[in-house]
N, C-alpha and C. Protein backbone atom coordinates (compact mmCIF):
# COMPACT_ATOMS: atom_id res chain seq x y z
N UNK A 1 109.91 99.41 86.60
CA UNK A 1 109.28 98.63 87.63
C UNK A 1 109.53 97.16 87.35
N UNK A 2 109.97 96.44 88.36
CA UNK A 2 110.24 95.02 88.25
C UNK A 2 109.14 94.27 88.98
N UNK A 3 108.99 93.00 88.67
CA UNK A 3 108.01 92.18 89.37
C UNK A 3 108.70 90.96 89.94
N UNK A 4 108.09 90.38 90.94
CA UNK A 4 108.64 89.20 91.57
C UNK A 4 107.49 88.33 92.03
N UNK A 5 107.80 87.09 92.38
CA UNK A 5 106.78 86.16 92.84
C UNK A 5 107.07 85.78 94.28
N UNK A 6 106.07 85.85 95.11
CA UNK A 6 106.14 85.46 96.52
C UNK A 6 104.86 85.91 97.18
N UNK A 7 104.79 85.78 98.47
CA UNK A 7 103.65 86.29 99.20
C UNK A 7 104.00 87.68 99.70
N UNK A 8 103.48 88.73 99.07
CA UNK A 8 103.83 90.08 99.48
C UNK A 8 103.28 90.41 100.86
N UNK A 9 103.95 91.30 101.56
CA UNK A 9 103.51 91.66 102.90
C UNK A 9 102.28 92.55 102.86
N UNK A 10 101.70 92.75 104.03
CA UNK A 10 100.53 93.62 104.15
C UNK A 10 100.96 95.00 104.64
N UNK A 11 100.25 96.00 104.22
CA UNK A 11 100.23 97.38 104.72
C UNK A 11 101.57 98.10 104.90
N UNK A 12 102.43 97.68 105.83
CA UNK A 12 103.63 98.47 106.11
C UNK A 12 104.62 98.43 104.95
N UNK A 13 105.41 99.49 104.84
CA UNK A 13 106.40 99.57 103.76
C UNK A 13 107.44 98.48 103.95
N UNK A 14 107.71 97.78 102.85
CA UNK A 14 108.69 96.71 102.85
C UNK A 14 109.61 96.90 101.65
N UNK A 15 110.77 96.27 101.71
CA UNK A 15 111.77 96.35 100.66
C UNK A 15 112.14 94.94 100.21
N UNK A 16 112.62 94.85 98.98
CA UNK A 16 113.08 93.59 98.44
C UNK A 16 114.40 93.85 97.72
N UNK A 17 115.23 92.81 97.59
CA UNK A 17 116.57 92.99 97.03
C UNK A 17 116.81 92.04 95.87
N UNK A 18 117.75 92.43 95.00
CA UNK A 18 118.09 91.65 93.82
C UNK A 18 119.57 91.78 93.50
N UNK A 19 120.15 90.67 93.03
CA UNK A 19 121.54 90.70 92.59
C UNK A 19 121.65 91.05 91.11
N UNK A 20 120.55 90.85 90.37
CA UNK A 20 120.61 91.08 88.93
C UNK A 20 119.66 92.18 88.44
N UNK A 21 118.94 92.82 89.34
CA UNK A 21 118.03 93.89 88.96
C UNK A 21 116.72 93.41 88.37
N UNK A 22 116.53 92.09 88.32
CA UNK A 22 115.32 91.54 87.75
C UNK A 22 114.58 90.61 88.70
N UNK A 23 115.30 89.75 89.39
CA UNK A 23 114.70 88.78 90.28
C UNK A 23 114.87 89.26 91.72
N UNK A 24 113.78 89.75 92.28
CA UNK A 24 113.81 90.28 93.64
C UNK A 24 113.33 89.22 94.61
N UNK A 25 113.90 89.22 95.82
CA UNK A 25 113.48 88.25 96.83
C UNK A 25 113.59 88.87 98.21
N UNK A 26 112.84 88.29 99.12
CA UNK A 26 112.85 88.71 100.51
C UNK A 26 112.00 89.94 100.76
N UNK A 27 111.56 90.05 102.00
CA UNK A 27 110.82 91.21 102.48
C UNK A 27 111.55 91.74 103.70
N UNK A 28 111.94 92.99 103.63
CA UNK A 28 112.74 93.58 104.69
C UNK A 28 112.09 94.89 105.14
N UNK A 29 112.32 95.23 106.41
CA UNK A 29 111.73 96.44 106.97
C UNK A 29 112.50 97.71 106.63
N UNK A 30 113.74 97.56 106.15
CA UNK A 30 114.54 98.74 105.81
C UNK A 30 115.48 98.40 104.66
N UNK A 31 115.98 99.44 104.04
CA UNK A 31 116.96 99.26 102.96
C UNK A 31 118.21 98.58 103.52
N UNK A 32 118.65 99.04 104.67
CA UNK A 32 119.86 98.49 105.29
C UNK A 32 119.71 96.99 105.58
N UNK A 33 118.54 96.60 106.11
CA UNK A 33 118.29 95.19 106.37
C UNK A 33 118.31 94.39 105.07
N UNK A 34 117.72 94.94 104.02
CA UNK A 34 117.72 94.27 102.72
C UNK A 34 119.15 94.07 102.21
N UNK A 35 119.96 95.12 102.32
CA UNK A 35 121.35 95.03 101.85
C UNK A 35 122.14 93.99 102.63
N UNK A 36 122.08 94.05 103.93
CA UNK A 36 122.87 93.13 104.77
C UNK A 36 122.44 91.69 104.58
N UNK A 37 121.15 91.44 104.61
CA UNK A 37 120.65 90.08 104.49
C UNK A 37 120.92 89.52 103.10
N UNK A 38 120.64 90.30 102.07
CA UNK A 38 120.85 89.82 100.71
C UNK A 38 122.34 89.61 100.42
N UNK A 39 123.16 90.50 100.92
CA UNK A 39 124.61 90.37 100.69
C UNK A 39 125.15 89.10 101.33
N UNK A 40 124.73 88.81 102.55
CA UNK A 40 125.25 87.61 103.22
C UNK A 40 124.62 86.33 102.66
N UNK A 41 123.32 86.37 102.34
CA UNK A 41 122.65 85.18 101.80
C UNK A 41 123.18 84.79 100.42
N UNK A 42 123.63 85.76 99.67
CA UNK A 42 124.07 85.50 98.30
C UNK A 42 125.58 85.61 98.13
N UNK A 43 126.29 85.66 99.24
CA UNK A 43 127.75 85.67 99.26
C UNK A 43 128.35 86.75 98.37
N UNK A 44 127.82 87.97 98.50
CA UNK A 44 128.37 89.11 97.76
C UNK A 44 129.71 89.51 98.33
N UNK A 45 130.53 90.07 97.49
CA UNK A 45 131.81 90.60 97.93
C UNK A 45 131.74 92.11 97.97
N UNK A 46 132.63 92.72 98.73
CA UNK A 46 132.71 94.17 98.79
C UNK A 46 132.93 94.71 97.39
N UNK A 47 132.16 95.74 97.04
CA UNK A 47 132.29 96.37 95.73
C UNK A 47 131.26 95.91 94.71
N UNK A 48 130.59 94.76 94.98
CA UNK A 48 129.52 94.34 94.08
C UNK A 48 128.27 95.16 94.37
N UNK A 49 127.28 95.05 93.52
CA UNK A 49 126.08 95.86 93.71
C UNK A 49 124.85 95.01 93.99
N UNK A 50 123.92 95.61 94.72
CA UNK A 50 122.62 95.01 95.02
C UNK A 50 121.58 96.08 94.74
N UNK A 51 120.51 95.67 94.07
CA UNK A 51 119.39 96.56 93.83
C UNK A 51 118.36 96.35 94.93
N UNK A 52 117.86 97.46 95.48
CA UNK A 52 116.83 97.40 96.53
C UNK A 52 115.71 98.34 96.14
N UNK A 53 114.47 97.87 96.29
CA UNK A 53 113.32 98.71 95.97
C UNK A 53 112.17 98.45 96.90
N UNK A 54 111.15 99.30 96.80
CA UNK A 54 109.95 99.17 97.62
C UNK A 54 109.01 98.13 97.02
N UNK A 55 108.48 97.28 97.89
CA UNK A 55 107.52 96.26 97.48
C UNK A 55 106.13 96.88 97.37
N UNK A 56 105.47 96.64 96.24
CA UNK A 56 104.10 97.09 96.03
C UNK A 56 103.26 95.88 95.68
N UNK A 57 102.48 95.35 96.65
CA UNK A 57 101.65 94.18 96.34
C UNK A 57 100.65 94.49 95.23
N UNK A 58 100.37 93.49 94.40
CA UNK A 58 99.37 93.67 93.33
C UNK A 58 97.98 93.53 93.94
N UNK A 59 97.12 94.47 93.62
CA UNK A 59 95.73 94.46 94.09
C UNK A 59 94.83 94.42 92.87
N UNK A 60 94.23 93.23 92.58
CA UNK A 60 93.33 93.15 91.43
C UNK A 60 92.11 94.05 91.63
N UNK A 61 91.69 94.71 90.57
CA UNK A 61 90.56 95.63 90.65
C UNK A 61 89.65 95.41 89.44
N UNK A 62 88.36 95.37 89.71
CA UNK A 62 87.38 95.35 88.63
C UNK A 62 87.01 96.80 88.36
N UNK A 63 87.15 97.22 87.12
CA UNK A 63 86.83 98.59 86.74
C UNK A 63 85.36 98.69 86.36
N UNK A 64 84.62 99.44 87.13
CA UNK A 64 83.18 99.57 86.97
C UNK A 64 82.80 100.02 85.57
N UNK A 65 83.53 100.99 85.03
CA UNK A 65 83.21 101.50 83.69
C UNK A 65 83.30 100.40 82.65
N UNK A 66 84.27 99.50 82.78
CA UNK A 66 84.42 98.42 81.81
C UNK A 66 83.27 97.42 81.92
N UNK A 67 82.82 97.16 83.14
CA UNK A 67 81.70 96.24 83.34
C UNK A 67 80.44 96.83 82.71
N UNK A 68 80.17 98.10 82.98
CA UNK A 68 78.98 98.74 82.42
C UNK A 68 79.05 98.81 80.90
N UNK A 69 80.21 99.12 80.36
CA UNK A 69 80.36 99.15 78.90
C UNK A 69 80.14 97.77 78.29
N UNK A 70 80.65 96.74 78.94
CA UNK A 70 80.48 95.38 78.45
C UNK A 70 79.01 94.98 78.46
N UNK A 71 78.31 95.31 79.53
CA UNK A 71 76.88 95.01 79.63
C UNK A 71 76.09 95.75 78.55
N UNK A 72 76.42 97.01 78.36
CA UNK A 72 75.73 97.82 77.34
C UNK A 72 76.01 97.28 75.94
N UNK A 73 77.26 96.87 75.68
CA UNK A 73 77.60 96.30 74.37
C UNK A 73 76.86 94.98 74.14
N UNK A 74 76.80 94.17 75.18
CA UNK A 74 76.10 92.90 75.08
C UNK A 74 74.62 93.13 74.77
N UNK A 75 74.00 94.07 75.46
CA UNK A 75 72.60 94.38 75.24
C UNK A 75 72.38 94.89 73.81
N UNK A 76 73.27 95.75 73.34
CA UNK A 76 73.14 96.28 71.99
C UNK A 76 73.28 95.16 70.95
N UNK A 77 74.26 94.26 71.19
CA UNK A 77 74.46 93.14 70.26
C UNK A 77 73.23 92.24 70.19
N UNK A 78 72.58 92.05 71.33
CA UNK A 78 71.43 91.15 71.37
C UNK A 78 70.11 91.84 70.99
N UNK A 79 69.97 93.11 71.28
CA UNK A 79 68.69 93.80 71.11
C UNK A 79 68.72 94.98 70.16
N UNK A 80 69.89 95.28 69.64
CA UNK A 80 70.01 96.37 68.68
C UNK A 80 69.75 97.74 69.28
N UNK A 81 69.19 98.63 68.44
CA UNK A 81 69.00 100.03 68.82
C UNK A 81 68.14 100.22 70.07
N UNK A 82 67.30 99.26 70.38
CA UNK A 82 66.44 99.38 71.57
C UNK A 82 67.27 99.51 72.84
N UNK A 83 68.50 98.98 72.82
CA UNK A 83 69.36 99.03 74.00
C UNK A 83 70.31 100.23 73.99
N UNK A 84 70.24 101.00 72.90
CA UNK A 84 71.15 102.14 72.77
C UNK A 84 70.97 103.11 73.94
N UNK A 85 72.06 103.45 74.59
CA UNK A 85 72.03 104.40 75.70
C UNK A 85 71.79 103.80 77.06
N UNK A 86 71.51 102.49 77.08
CA UNK A 86 71.29 101.84 78.38
C UNK A 86 72.58 101.90 79.21
N UNK A 87 72.48 102.21 80.45
CA UNK A 87 73.56 102.29 81.44
C UNK A 87 74.47 103.50 81.23
N UNK A 88 74.06 104.44 80.39
CA UNK A 88 74.81 105.70 80.32
C UNK A 88 74.20 106.65 81.34
N UNK A 89 75.02 107.44 81.93
CA UNK A 89 74.53 108.40 82.93
C UNK A 89 74.16 107.79 84.26
N UNK A 90 74.79 106.68 84.63
CA UNK A 90 74.53 106.07 85.93
C UNK A 90 74.98 107.07 87.00
N UNK A 91 74.11 107.38 87.98
CA UNK A 91 74.49 108.34 89.02
C UNK A 91 75.73 107.86 89.80
N UNK A 92 76.57 108.79 90.19
CA UNK A 92 77.83 108.47 90.87
C UNK A 92 77.64 107.56 92.09
N UNK A 93 76.65 107.81 92.95
CA UNK A 93 76.50 106.90 94.11
C UNK A 93 76.23 105.45 93.68
N UNK A 94 75.42 105.27 92.64
CA UNK A 94 75.13 103.91 92.16
C UNK A 94 76.36 103.30 91.52
N UNK A 95 77.12 104.11 90.79
CA UNK A 95 78.36 103.67 90.14
C UNK A 95 79.37 103.21 91.21
N UNK A 96 79.53 104.02 92.24
CA UNK A 96 80.47 103.69 93.33
C UNK A 96 80.02 102.44 94.08
N UNK A 97 78.71 102.33 94.30
CA UNK A 97 78.17 101.16 95.00
C UNK A 97 78.47 99.87 94.22
N UNK A 98 78.27 99.91 92.90
CA UNK A 98 78.55 98.75 92.07
C UNK A 98 80.03 98.39 92.11
N UNK A 99 80.88 99.39 92.00
CA UNK A 99 82.32 99.14 92.04
C UNK A 99 82.75 98.50 93.34
N UNK A 100 82.26 99.02 94.44
CA UNK A 100 82.61 98.45 95.75
C UNK A 100 82.10 97.02 95.87
N UNK A 101 80.86 96.78 95.46
CA UNK A 101 80.28 95.44 95.56
C UNK A 101 81.05 94.43 94.69
N UNK A 102 81.35 94.80 93.46
CA UNK A 102 82.08 93.89 92.57
C UNK A 102 83.46 93.56 93.12
N UNK A 103 84.16 94.56 93.64
CA UNK A 103 85.51 94.31 94.16
C UNK A 103 85.48 93.53 95.45
N UNK A 104 84.45 93.71 96.27
CA UNK A 104 84.32 92.89 97.48
C UNK A 104 84.08 91.44 97.12
N UNK A 105 83.24 91.20 96.12
CA UNK A 105 83.00 89.83 95.65
C UNK A 105 84.30 89.23 95.11
N UNK A 106 85.03 89.98 94.31
CA UNK A 106 86.29 89.48 93.76
C UNK A 106 87.27 89.14 94.88
N UNK A 107 87.45 90.04 95.84
CA UNK A 107 88.37 89.79 96.95
C UNK A 107 88.00 88.52 97.71
N UNK A 108 86.72 88.36 98.03
CA UNK A 108 86.26 87.18 98.75
C UNK A 108 86.48 85.91 97.95
N UNK A 109 86.17 85.96 96.67
CA UNK A 109 86.34 84.81 95.80
C UNK A 109 87.81 84.40 95.71
N UNK A 110 88.69 85.38 95.52
CA UNK A 110 90.12 85.08 95.45
C UNK A 110 90.61 84.42 96.73
N UNK A 111 90.18 84.94 97.87
CA UNK A 111 90.60 84.38 99.17
C UNK A 111 90.05 82.97 99.37
N UNK A 112 88.76 82.77 99.09
CA UNK A 112 88.14 81.45 99.28
C UNK A 112 88.83 80.36 98.47
N UNK A 113 89.31 80.71 97.31
CA UNK A 113 89.91 79.72 96.42
C UNK A 113 91.44 79.75 96.42
N UNK A 114 92.02 80.52 97.33
CA UNK A 114 93.47 80.58 97.42
C UNK A 114 94.13 81.14 96.17
N UNK A 115 93.46 82.11 95.55
CA UNK A 115 93.96 82.67 94.29
C UNK A 115 94.49 84.09 94.41
N UNK A 116 94.75 84.54 95.64
CA UNK A 116 95.29 85.89 95.81
C UNK A 116 96.62 85.98 95.06
N UNK A 117 96.93 87.14 94.52
CA UNK A 117 98.21 87.30 93.82
C UNK A 117 99.39 86.97 94.73
N UNK A 118 100.31 86.21 94.22
CA UNK A 118 101.52 85.86 94.97
C UNK A 118 102.73 86.49 94.28
N UNK A 119 102.49 87.68 93.77
CA UNK A 119 103.54 88.42 93.08
C UNK A 119 103.38 89.89 93.45
N UNK A 120 104.41 90.64 93.17
CA UNK A 120 104.40 92.04 93.55
C UNK A 120 105.30 92.82 92.61
N UNK A 121 105.09 94.10 92.59
CA UNK A 121 105.97 94.98 91.83
C UNK A 121 107.01 95.54 92.79
N UNK A 122 108.18 95.85 92.25
CA UNK A 122 109.22 96.51 93.03
C UNK A 122 109.47 97.85 92.35
N UNK A 123 109.23 98.93 93.10
CA UNK A 123 109.37 100.27 92.55
C UNK A 123 110.45 101.04 93.30
N UNK A 124 110.78 102.19 92.78
CA UNK A 124 111.79 103.06 93.40
C UNK A 124 113.09 102.30 93.66
N UNK A 125 113.50 101.53 92.67
CA UNK A 125 114.70 100.69 92.80
C UNK A 125 115.95 101.56 92.74
N UNK A 126 116.85 101.31 93.68
CA UNK A 126 118.15 101.99 93.70
C UNK A 126 119.24 100.92 93.82
N UNK A 127 120.37 101.23 93.22
CA UNK A 127 121.49 100.30 93.27
C UNK A 127 122.46 100.75 94.37
N UNK A 128 122.91 99.79 95.17
CA UNK A 128 123.82 100.06 96.28
C UNK A 128 125.07 99.22 96.12
N UNK A 129 126.20 99.79 96.50
CA UNK A 129 127.47 99.07 96.47
C UNK A 129 127.65 98.40 97.83
N UNK A 130 127.98 97.11 97.79
CA UNK A 130 128.18 96.35 99.03
C UNK A 130 129.47 96.81 99.71
N UNK A 131 129.34 97.10 100.99
CA UNK A 131 130.51 97.49 101.80
C UNK A 131 130.80 96.39 102.81
N UNK A 132 131.91 96.54 103.50
CA UNK A 132 132.30 95.59 104.54
C UNK A 132 131.21 95.45 105.61
N UNK A 133 130.53 96.56 105.94
CA UNK A 133 129.48 96.54 106.96
C UNK A 133 128.29 95.67 106.54
N UNK A 134 128.05 95.55 105.25
CA UNK A 134 126.92 94.76 104.78
C UNK A 134 127.17 93.26 104.89
N UNK A 135 128.41 92.84 104.87
CA UNK A 135 128.69 91.40 104.86
C UNK A 135 129.27 90.90 106.18
N UNK A 136 129.43 91.75 107.13
CA UNK A 136 129.99 91.27 108.40
C UNK A 136 128.93 91.02 109.43
C-alpha cells in the first residue's frame, strides 16, 4: 500500500497514477482515464510503465476500547486498587454510543480547524504498459 498527499475524493471509487510506484497523483474515475491523463501529463513514451491503484481516503478513528483503557489506567494510577475494575464490562449499547460520540466530536473538530487528512492510501496497485492509445 502506497500513500500520497492531496485532497482525496469523497465516496465514489477513484484511481490515482504514479510513474515511480511511490508518488501517486491525480484522481480519476477509471483506470483508463488515469493511464491516459498521467501518460500525457508526464510525457511517457510507448512501452514505459505507469502504476494505477484505487484511492482510499484516510479516516481518523478514535478507538473506544483505548479510551476506556486509558481512563481506567489513569484512575488506577491516581487511586490505586479502589479503581480496579472500573469501566470493565461496559454494556455494548453504551460502548457504541461513546464511540459514535467521540468520533463525531473528532470529525467536527477536524473540519472546524481545517485539519482533515489531506493524504490517502493507494491500494490494489497494478502496473500498466503505456500504449499508443494512452498518449494520443
